[in-house]
Amino acid sequence: MTKAKKQSNTKATDLYHPTRSTPAPITKNNTGSTWVNVIKTFGSLADDMFFTYVTCKNEGAYVAPQKRFIKNDPDDAAENWNIHGVFDRVENNIPLTVSPSRDYMWDCFVTYGSEGDTAESIGAHITREFNLFAKENSDEFKFPQKYRFRNGGDTASTRHPVNHFISNEDTLVVMKSMLSEGNTHEKLAASNDTLESFFGSDPNGLSLFHELSEDEWKE
């Protein structure tokens, strides 16, 4: 088995994925009460990689202000929020909208953790930071926002390949960001465990990787 080396200087600036030109609008709150958002974080089969999404009333939550912060100051978001990228959430590699009746895409936050990090520790940290951000930037929300953490899972039975959470194309972006430095394309092509941790057994995702040249891998 070939063990892929994870590069240590991954930058957040290349991992902001502007999936739409306008953010999802806030659903009207007729009660005027505080929105309670649920943050769910999951571990994955890729070493130290975690995925987080936010729900509100069983729909995708409004997180446009957080996305703007990540886009405008990705290094700060990586250092203080432990969020390194934003992509469309998918199911069976099909992008999910925030609800069946609304066409706005559902955001998925990506974290490159460190040794000892868990879905619980990552999710709890993001929850604290989002609550602080919402309090300090209340003018960016129509209504007060609160965030609660619910552990999505970080066990052998709940971990999935990266493309369970984001598209094959975005999975390749993340894979290159994590592994292109210090790992040749040829080396990774021989590492079934590494490829499966990102693409599972999806032939379309695996083809995206195998079709790259060595120069394209290093770009």
C-alpha atoms as a PDB file:
ATOM      1  CA  MET A   1       0.000   0.000   0.000  1.00  0.00           C
ATOM      2  CA  THR A   2       1.336   3.433  -0.920  1.00  0.00           C
ATOM      3  CA  LYS A   3       0.871   5.997   1.825  1.00  0.00           C
ATOM      4  CA  ALA A   4       0.136   9.478   0.510  1.00  0.00           C
ATOM      5  CA  LYS A   5       1.922  12.323   2.198  1.00  0.00           C
ATOM      6  CA  LYS A   6      -0.340  15.188   3.204  1.00  0.00           C
ATOM      7  CA  GLN A   7       1.225  18.561   2.525  1.00  0.00           C
ATOM      8  CA  SER A   8       1.519  20.858   5.502  1.00  0.00           C
ATOM      9  CA  ASN A   9       1.027  24.234   3.828  1.00  0.00           C
ATOM     10  CA  THR A  10      -2.415  23.849   2.303  1.00  0.00           C
ATOM     11  CA  LYS A  11      -3.878  27.284   1.618  1.00  0.00           C
ATOM     12  CA  ALA A  12      -7.508  28.183   1.983  1.00  0.00           C
ATOM     13  CA  THR A  13      -7.458  30.792  -0.779  1.00  0.00           C
ATOM     14  CA  ASP A  14      -7.946  28.239  -3.575  1.00  0.00           C
ATOM     15  CA  LEU A  15     -10.775  26.404  -1.876  1.00  0.00           C
ATOM     16  CA  TYR A  16     -13.502  29.017  -1.841  1.00  0.00           C
ATOM     17  CA  HIS A  17     -15.989  27.828  -4.445  1.00  0.00           C
ATOM     18  CA  PRO A  18     -18.467  30.582  -5.397  1.00  0.00           C
ATOM     19  CA  THR A  19     -21.332  28.313  -6.360  1.00  0.00           C
ATOM     20  CA  ARG A  20     -23.731  31.127  -7.123  1.00  0.00           C
ATOM     21  CA  SER A  21     -23.715  34.852  -7.794  1.00  0.00           C
ATOM     22  CA  THR A  22     -26.385  35.628  -5.202  1.00  0.00           C
ATOM     23  CA  PRO A  23     -26.805  34.048  -1.767  1.00  0.00           C
ATOM     24  CA  ALA A  24     -29.866  32.109  -0.764  1.00  0.00           C
ATOM     25  CA  PRO A  25     -32.497  34.515   0.579  1.00  0.00           C
ATOM     26  CA  ILE A  26     -33.675  34.238   4.148  1.00  0.00           C
ATOM     27  CA  THR A  27     -36.991  32.470   4.552  1.00  0.00           C
ATOM     28  CA  LYS A  28     -39.449  34.870   6.144  1.00  0.00           C
ATOM     29  CA  ASN A  29     -39.645  34.493   9.904  1.00  0.00           C
ATOM     30  CA  ASN A  30     -43.193  35.429  10.856  1.00  0.00           C
ATOM     31  CA  THR A  31     -42.601  35.093  14.577  1.00  0.00           C
ATOM     32  CA  GLY A  32     -39.594  37.396  14.835  1.00  0.00           C
ATOM     33  CA  SER A  33     -37.945  34.831  17.086  1.00  0.00           C
ATOM     34  CA  THR A  34     -34.335  33.707  17.026  1.00  0.00           C
ATOM     35  CA  TRP A  35     -33.340  31.293  14.271  1.00  0.00           C
ATOM     36  CA  VAL A  36     -31.885  28.080  15.690  1.00  0.00           C
ATOM     37  CA  ASN A  37     -29.436  26.520  13.266  1.00  0.00           C
ATOM     38  CA  VAL A  38     -28.057  23.002  13.642  1.00  0.00           C
ATOM     39  CA  ILE A  39     -24.438  22.374  12.685  1.00  0.00           C
ATOM     40  CA  LYS A  40     -23.534  18.825  11.660  1.00  0.00           C
ATOM     41  CA  THR A  41     -19.949  17.712  11.181  1.00  0.00           C
ATOM     42  CA  PHE A  42     -18.768  14.408   9.742  1.00  0.00           C
ATOM     43  CA  GLY A  43     -15.452  12.664   9.508  1.00  0.00           C
ATOM     44  CA  SER A  44     -14.432  11.126   6.186  1.00  0.00           C
ATOM     45  CA  LEU A  45     -12.254   8.332   4.871  1.00  0.00           C
ATOM     46  CA  ALA A  46      -9.586  10.864   3.904  1.00  0.00           C
ATOM     47  CA  ASP A  47      -7.170  11.371   6.783  1.00  0.00           C
ATOM     48  CA  ASP A  48      -8.053  14.366   8.982  1.00  0.00           C
ATOM     49  CA  MET A  49     -10.679  15.734   6.586  1.00  0.00           C
ATOM     50  CA  PHE A  50     -14.066  16.834   7.919  1.00  0.00           C
ATOM     51  CA  PHE A  51     -17.250  18.177   6.353  1.00  0.00           C
ATOM     52  CA  THR A  52     -19.816  20.469   7.946  1.00  0.00           C
ATOM     53  CA  TYR A  53     -23.204  21.692   6.833  1.00  0.00           C
ATOM     54  CA  VAL A  54     -25.876  23.757   8.584  1.00  0.00           C
ATOM     55  CA  THR A  55     -29.629  23.171   8.731  1.00  0.00           C
ATOM     56  CA  CYS A  56     -32.524  25.321   9.911  1.00  0.00           C
ATOM     57  CA  LYS A  57     -36.058  23.976  10.123  1.00  0.00           C
ATOM     58  CA  ASN A  58     -34.915  20.905   8.175  1.00  0.00           C
ATOM     59  CA  GLU A  59     -33.630  23.039   5.291  1.00  0.00           C
ATOM     60  CA  GLY A  60     -30.236  24.370   4.341  1.00  0.00           C
ATOM     61  CA  ALA A  61     -29.456  27.320   6.604  1.00  0.00           C
ATOM     62  CA  TYR A  62     -28.643  30.881   5.584  1.00  0.00           C
ATOM     63  CA  VAL A  63     -24.856  31.199   5.829  1.00  0.00           C
ATOM     64  CA  ALA A  64     -24.130  33.907   3.250  1.00  0.00           C
ATOM     65  CA  PRO A  65     -22.430  36.216   5.811  1.00  0.00           C
ATOM     66  CA  GLN A  66     -20.092  33.419   6.876  1.00  0.00           C
ATOM     67  CA  LYS A  67     -19.310  32.644   3.233  1.00  0.00           C
ATOM     68  CA  ARG A  68     -18.448  36.290   2.585  1.00  0.00           C
ATOM     69  CA  PHE A  69     -16.077  36.258   5.542  1.00  0.00           C
ATOM     70  CA  ILE A  70     -14.359  33.108   4.264  1.00  0.00           C
ATOM     71  CA  LYS A  71     -14.069  34.544   0.753  1.00  0.00           C
ATOM     72  CA  ASN A  72     -12.746  37.918   1.939  1.00  0.00           C
ATOM     73  CA  ASP A  73     -10.334  36.563   4.544  1.00  0.00           C
ATOM     74  CA  PRO A  74      -9.694  32.864   3.892  1.00  0.00           C
ATOM     75  CA  ASP A  75      -6.539  32.717   5.985  1.00  0.00           C
ATOM     76  CA  ASP A  76      -8.366  34.115   9.006  1.00  0.00           C
ATOM     77  CA  ALA A  77     -11.203  31.645   8.458  1.00  0.00           C
ATOM     78  CA  ALA A  78      -8.715  28.784   8.270  1.00  0.00           C
ATOM     79  CA  GLU A  79      -6.842  29.850  11.379  1.00  0.00           C
ATOM     80  CA  ASN A  80      -9.735  30.893  13.598  1.00  0.00           C
ATOM     81  CA  TRP A  81     -12.724  28.939  12.292  1.00  0.00           C
ATOM     82  CA  ASN A  82     -10.810  25.900  11.080  1.00  0.00           C
ATOM     83  CA  ILE A  83     -12.675  26.125   7.784  1.00  0.00           C
ATOM     84  CA  HIS A  84     -10.574  25.774   4.647  1.00  0.00           C
ATOM     85  CA  GLY A  85     -13.131  25.737   1.859  1.00  0.00           C
ATOM     86  CA  VAL A  86     -16.772  26.013   0.820  1.00  0.00           C
ATOM     87  CA  PHE A  87     -18.354  23.792  -1.826  1.00  0.00           C
ATOM     88  CA  ASP A  88     -21.791  22.583  -2.901  1.00  0.00           C
ATOM     89  CA  ARG A  89     -23.131  19.738  -0.803  1.00  0.00           C
ATOM     90  CA  VAL A  90     -24.110  16.707  -2.910  1.00  0.00           C
ATOM     91  CA  GLU A  91     -26.007  13.454  -2.648  1.00  0.00           C
ATOM     92  CA  ASN A  92     -25.028  10.714  -5.103  1.00  0.00           C
ATOM     93  CA  ASN A  93     -22.878  13.396  -6.752  1.00  0.00           C
ATOM     94  CA  ILE A  94     -25.958  15.524  -7.453  1.00  0.00           C
ATOM     95  CA  PRO A  95     -25.816  19.033  -5.916  1.00  0.00           C
ATOM     96  CA  LEU A  96     -28.428  19.571  -3.214  1.00  0.00           C
ATOM     97  CA  THR A  97     -30.566  22.674  -2.963  1.00  0.00           C
ATOM     98  CA  VAL A  98     -31.466  24.130   0.419  1.00  0.00           C
ATOM     99  CA  SER A  99     -34.989  22.731   0.048  1.00  0.00           C
ATOM    100  CA  PRO A 100     -37.126  21.060  -2.646  1.00  0.00           C
ATOM    101  CA  SER A 101     -38.925  24.346  -3.321  1.00  0.00           C
ATOM    102  CA  ARG A 102     -35.854  26.616  -3.441  1.00  0.00           C
ATOM    103  CA  ASP A 103     -33.149  26.557  -6.106  1.00  0.00           C
ATOM    104  CA  TYR A 104     -30.220  27.813  -4.030  1.00  0.00           C
ATOM    105  CA  MET A 105     -27.387  25.369  -3.466  1.00  0.00           C
ATOM    106  CA  TRP A 106     -26.650  23.915  -0.023  1.00  0.00           C
ATOM    107  CA  ASP A 107     -23.182  24.843   1.245  1.00  0.00           C
ATOM    108  CA  CYS A 108     -20.679  22.382   2.654  1.00  0.00           C
ATOM    109  CA  PHE A 109     -17.667  23.567   4.665  1.00  0.00           C
ATOM    110  CA  VAL A 110     -14.387  21.657   4.453  1.00  0.00           C
ATOM    111  CA  THR A 111     -11.868  21.358   7.287  1.00  0.00           C
ATOM    112  CA  TYR A 112      -8.335  19.983   7.141  1.00  0.00           C
ATOM    113  CA  GLY A 113      -7.887  18.789  10.689  1.00  0.00           C
ATOM    114  CA  SER A 114      -4.812  17.862  12.657  1.00  0.00           C
ATOM    115  CA  GLU A 115      -3.903  14.717  14.522  1.00  0.00           C
ATOM    116  CA  GLY A 116      -6.347  14.227  17.380  1.00  0.00           C
ATOM    117  CA  ASP A 117      -9.155  16.241  15.818  1.00  0.00           C
ATOM    118  CA  THR A 118     -12.587  14.603  15.667  1.00  0.00           C
ATOM    119  CA  ALA A 119     -15.915  15.500  14.124  1.00  0.00           C
ATOM    120  CA  GLU A 120     -17.055  16.519  17.592  1.00  0.00           C
ATOM    121  CA  SER A 121     -14.086  18.809  18.287  1.00  0.00           C
ATOM    122  CA  ILE A 122     -14.233  20.408  14.829  1.00  0.00           C
ATOM    123  CA  GLY A 123     -18.009  20.855  14.888  1.00  0.00           C
ATOM    124  CA  ALA A 124     -18.078  22.238  18.422  1.00  0.00           C
ATOM    125  CA  HIS A 125     -15.389  24.764  17.500  1.00  0.00           C
ATOM    126  CA  ILE A 126     -17.209  25.918  14.362  1.00  0.00           C
ATOM    127  CA  THR A 127     -20.418  26.226  16.385  1.00  0.00           C
ATOM    128  CA  ARG A 128     -18.726  28.511  18.912  1.00  0.00           C
ATOM    129  CA  GLU A 129     -17.216  30.639  16.157  1.00  0.00           C
ATOM    130  CA  PHE A 130     -20.479  30.940  14.237  1.00  0.00           C
ATOM    131  CA  ASN A 131     -22.336  32.012  17.386  1.00  0.00           C
ATOM    132  CA  LEU A 132     -19.694  34.647  18.092  1.00  0.00           C
ATOM    133  CA  PHE A 133     -19.729  35.822  14.484  1.00  0.00           C
ATOM    134  CA  ALA A 134     -23.529  36.109  14.407  1.00  0.00           C
ATOM    135  CA  LYS A 135     -23.504  38.116  17.641  1.00  0.00           C
ATOM    136  CA  GLU A 136     -20.789  40.492  16.463  1.00  0.00           C
ATOM    137  CA  ASN A 137     -22.286  40.864  12.975  1.00  0.00           C
ATOM    138  CA  SER A 138     -25.982  40.927  13.772  1.00  0.00           C
ATOM    139  CA  ASP A 139     -26.556  43.616  11.147  1.00  0.00           C
ATOM    140  CA  GLU A 140     -25.847  41.012   8.455  1.00  0.00           C
ATOM    141  CA  PHE A 141     -28.840  38.900   9.521  1.00  0.00           C
ATOM    142  CA  LYS A 142     -32.517  39.807   9.491  1.00  0.00           C
ATOM    143  CA  PHE A 143     -33.072  37.946  12.746  1.00  0.00           C
ATOM    144  CA  PRO A 144     -30.902  36.833  15.677  1.00  0.00           C
ATOM    145  CA  GLN A 145     -29.074  33.596  14.945  1.00  0.00           C
ATOM    146  CA  LYS A 146     -28.043  30.776  17.252  1.00  0.00           C
ATOM    147  CA  TYR A 147     -26.108  27.652  16.364  1.00  0.00           C
ATOM    148  CA  ARG A 148     -26.187  24.260  18.030  1.00  0.00           C
ATOM    149  CA  PHE A 149     -23.885  21.364  17.288  1.00  0.00           C
ATOM    150  CA  ARG A 150     -25.022  17.857  16.454  1.00  0.00           C
ATOM    151  CA  ASN A 151     -22.298  15.289  15.839  1.00  0.00           C
ATOM    152  CA  GLY A 152     -22.776  13.811  12.381  1.00  0.00           C
ATOM    153  CA  GLY A 153     -20.456  10.893  13.045  1.00  0.00           C
ATOM    154  CA  ASP A 154     -16.801   9.974  13.033  1.00  0.00           C
ATOM    155  CA  THR A 155     -16.670   6.199  13.283  1.00  0.00           C
ATOM    156  CA  ALA A 156     -15.782   3.484  10.794  1.00  0.00           C
ATOM    157  CA  SER A 157     -19.470   3.019   9.985  1.00  0.00           C
ATOM    158  CA  THR A 158     -20.188   6.723   9.395  1.00  0.00           C
ATOM    159  CA  ARG A 159     -17.081   7.768   7.455  1.00  0.00           C
ATOM    160  CA  HIS A 160     -17.478   8.118   3.703  1.00  0.00           C
ATOM    161  CA  PRO A 161     -15.246   9.088   0.774  1.00  0.00           C
ATOM    162  CA  VAL A 162     -14.857  12.784   0.113  1.00  0.00           C
ATOM    163  CA  ASN A 163     -17.173  12.614  -2.914  1.00  0.00           C
ATOM    164  CA  HIS A 164     -20.006  11.567  -0.613  1.00  0.00           C
ATOM    165  CA  PHE A 165     -20.082  15.194   0.563  1.00  0.00           C
ATOM    166  CA  ILE A 166     -18.919  17.238  -2.463  1.00  0.00           C
ATOM    167  CA  SER A 167     -18.830  16.629  -6.215  1.00  0.00           C
ATOM    168  CA  ASN A 168     -16.175  14.596  -8.000  1.00  0.00           C
ATOM    169  CA  GLU A 169     -14.819  17.775  -9.583  1.00  0.00           C
ATOM    170  CA  ASP A 170     -14.550  19.511  -6.208  1.00  0.00           C
ATOM    171  CA  THR A 171     -13.108  16.358  -4.673  1.00  0.00           C
ATOM    172  CA  LEU A 172     -10.278  16.533  -7.205  1.00  0.00           C
ATOM    173  CA  VAL A 173      -9.671  20.189  -6.283  1.00  0.00           C
ATOM    174  CA  VAL A 174      -9.423  19.242  -2.614  1.00  0.00           C
ATOM    175  CA  MET A 175      -7.244  16.225  -3.337  1.00  0.00           C
ATOM    176  CA  LYS A 176      -4.772  18.333  -5.332  1.00  0.00           C
ATOM    177  CA  SER A 177      -4.703  20.947  -2.594  1.00  0.00           C
ATOM    178  CA  MET A 178      -3.908  18.326   0.028  1.00  0.00           C
ATOM    179  CA  LEU A 179      -1.621  15.931  -1.804  1.00  0.00           C
ATOM    180  CA  SER A 180      -0.052  17.419  -4.938  1.00  0.00           C
ATOM    181  CA  GLU A 181       3.012  18.624  -3.080  1.00  0.00           C
ATOM    182  CA  GLY A 182       5.247  15.681  -2.235  1.00  0.00           C
ATOM    183  CA  ASN A 183       3.203  13.099  -4.153  1.00  0.00           C
ATOM    184  CA  THR A 184       3.492  12.380  -7.854  1.00  0.00           C
ATOM    185  CA  HIS A 185       0.425  11.483  -9.857  1.00  0.00           C
ATOM    186  CA  GLU A 186       2.025   8.132 -10.605  1.00  0.00           C
ATOM    187  CA  LYS A 187       2.509   7.417  -6.913  1.00  0.00           C
ATOM    188  CA  LEU A 188      -1.087   8.189  -6.017  1.00  0.00           C
ATOM    189  CA  ALA A 189      -2.410   6.249  -9.005  1.00  0.00           C
ATOM    190  CA  ALA A 190      -0.853   3.170  -7.393  1.00  0.00           C
ATOM    191  CA  SER A 191      -2.464   3.873  -4.009  1.00  0.00           C
ATOM    192  CA  ASN A 192      -5.908   2.274  -4.080  1.00  0.00           C
ATOM    193  CA  ASP A 193      -6.551   3.200  -0.452  1.00  0.00           C
ATOM    194  CA  THR A 194      -5.897   6.892  -1.117  1.00  0.00           C
ATOM    195  CA  LEU A 195      -8.036   6.964  -4.251  1.00  0.00           C
ATOM    196  CA  GLU A 196     -10.891   5.169  -2.506  1.00  0.00           C
ATOM    197  CA  SER A 197     -10.744   7.614   0.411  1.00  0.00           C
ATOM    198  CA  PHE A 198     -11.508  10.428  -2.027  1.00  0.00           C
ATOM    199  CA  PHE A 199     -13.632   8.819  -4.762  1.00  0.00           C
ATOM    200  CA  GLY A 200     -14.790   5.521  -3.323  1.00  0.00           C
ATOM    201  CA  SER A 201     -15.530   3.155  -6.198  1.00  0.00           C
ATOM    202  CA  ASP A 202     -17.111   5.849  -8.398  1.00  0.00           C
ATOM    203  CA  PRO A 203     -15.722   5.268 -11.921  1.00  0.00           C
ATOM    204  CA  ASN A 204     -16.443   8.845 -12.955  1.00  0.00           C
ATOM    205  CA  GLY A 205     -14.453  10.310 -10.084  1.00  0.00           C
ATOM    206  CA  LEU A 206     -11.590   7.861 -10.550  1.00  0.00           C
ATOM    207  CA  SER A 207     -11.480   8.694 -14.258  1.00  0.00           C
ATOM    208  CA  LEU A 208     -11.122  12.405 -13.463  1.00  0.00           C
ATOM    209  CA  PHE A 209      -7.983  11.590 -11.508  1.00  0.00           C
ATOM    210  CA  HIS A 210      -6.484   9.032 -13.880  1.00  0.00           C
ATOM    211  CA  GLU A 211      -6.982  11.284 -16.920  1.00  0.00           C
ATOM    212  CA  LEU A 212      -4.711  13.953 -15.445  1.00  0.00           C
ATOM    213  CA  SER A 213      -1.172  14.254 -16.716  1.00  0.00           C
ATOM    214  CA  GLU A 214       1.679  14.720 -14.255  1.00  0.00           C
ATOM    215  CA  ASP A 215       1.884  18.412 -15.227  1.00  0.00           C
ATOM    216  CA  GLU A 216      -1.860  18.873 -14.741  1.00  0.00           C
ATOM    217  CA  TRP A 217      -1.604  17.231 -11.323  1.00  0.00           C
ATOM    218  CA  LYS A 218       1.047  19.745 -10.291  1.00  0.00           C
ATOM    219  CA  GLU A 219      -0.842  22.812 -11.581  1.00  0.00           C
END
